[in-house]
Amino acid sequence: MTKYKWIAFFGTVLMGISSFMACLGTSSNMLLAGSILLVISIVIMSYAFYFWRP
């Protein structure tokens, strides 16, 4: 797999984990961390899919 495929895969996994944290977090810190990680994963995936177009 190319470098950008791995970055896109990492962004997808990070998005799944962070959406789970943002939806089911028990404290406000957990919800905030999940939301921040969601934004970061969107940026990572946008970067990867810009250079690798499946």
Protein backbone atom coordinates (compact mmCIF):
# COMPACT_ATOMS: atom_id res chain seq x y z
CA MET A 1 0.00 0.00 0.00
CA THR A 2 1.16 3.49 -0.68
CA LYS A 3 1.88 6.07 1.97
CA TYR A 4 -1.38 7.92 1.41
CA LYS A 5 -3.46 4.75 1.66
CA TRP A 6 -1.96 4.14 5.11
CA ILE A 7 -2.65 7.73 6.15
CA ALA A 8 -6.27 7.40 4.97
CA PHE A 9 -6.61 4.10 6.83
CA PHE A 10 -5.21 5.69 10.01
CA GLY A 11 -7.64 8.62 9.63
CA THR A 12 -10.56 6.24 9.23
CA VAL A 13 -9.64 4.26 12.34
CA LEU A 14 -9.08 7.46 14.31
CA MET A 15 -12.48 8.74 13.20
CA GLY A 16 -14.19 5.56 14.40
CA ILE A 17 -12.53 5.67 17.80
CA SER A 18 -13.08 9.39 18.30
CA SER A 19 -16.74 9.26 17.25
CA PHE A 20 -17.28 6.50 19.80
CA MET A 21 -15.58 8.71 22.43
CA ALA A 22 -17.58 11.80 21.46
CA CYS A 23 -20.91 10.00 21.59
CA LEU A 24 -20.46 7.82 24.65
CA GLY A 25 -18.04 9.81 26.79
CA THR A 26 -18.95 9.98 30.45
CA SER A 27 -17.20 13.25 31.30
CA SER A 28 -16.92 16.59 29.59
CA ASN A 29 -13.18 16.07 29.07
CA MET A 30 -13.86 12.81 27.24
CA LEU A 31 -16.46 14.50 25.03
CA LEU A 32 -14.08 17.36 24.25
CA ALA A 33 -11.23 14.97 23.43
CA GLY A 34 -13.49 12.98 21.11
CA SER A 35 -14.63 16.11 19.31
CA ILE A 36 -11.08 17.38 18.87
CA LEU A 37 -9.94 14.00 17.57
CA LEU A 38 -12.85 14.00 15.10
CA VAL A 39 -11.69 17.31 13.66
CA ILE A 40 -8.10 16.04 13.47
CA SER A 41 -9.22 12.87 11.71
CA ILE A 42 -11.17 14.90 9.14
CA VAL A 43 -8.05 16.93 8.39
CA ILE A 44 -5.91 13.77 8.12
CA MET A 45 -8.38 12.07 5.80
CA SER A 46 -8.80 15.16 3.64
CA TYR A 47 -5.03 15.35 3.20
CA ALA A 48 -4.73 11.65 2.36
CA PHE A 49 -7.65 11.51 -0.05
CA TYR A 50 -6.46 14.66 -1.82
CA PHE A 51 -3.29 12.89 -2.91
CA TRP A 52 -4.72 9.35 -3.18
CA ARG A 53 -7.95 9.18 -5.12
CA PRO A 54 -9.35 5.65 -5.08
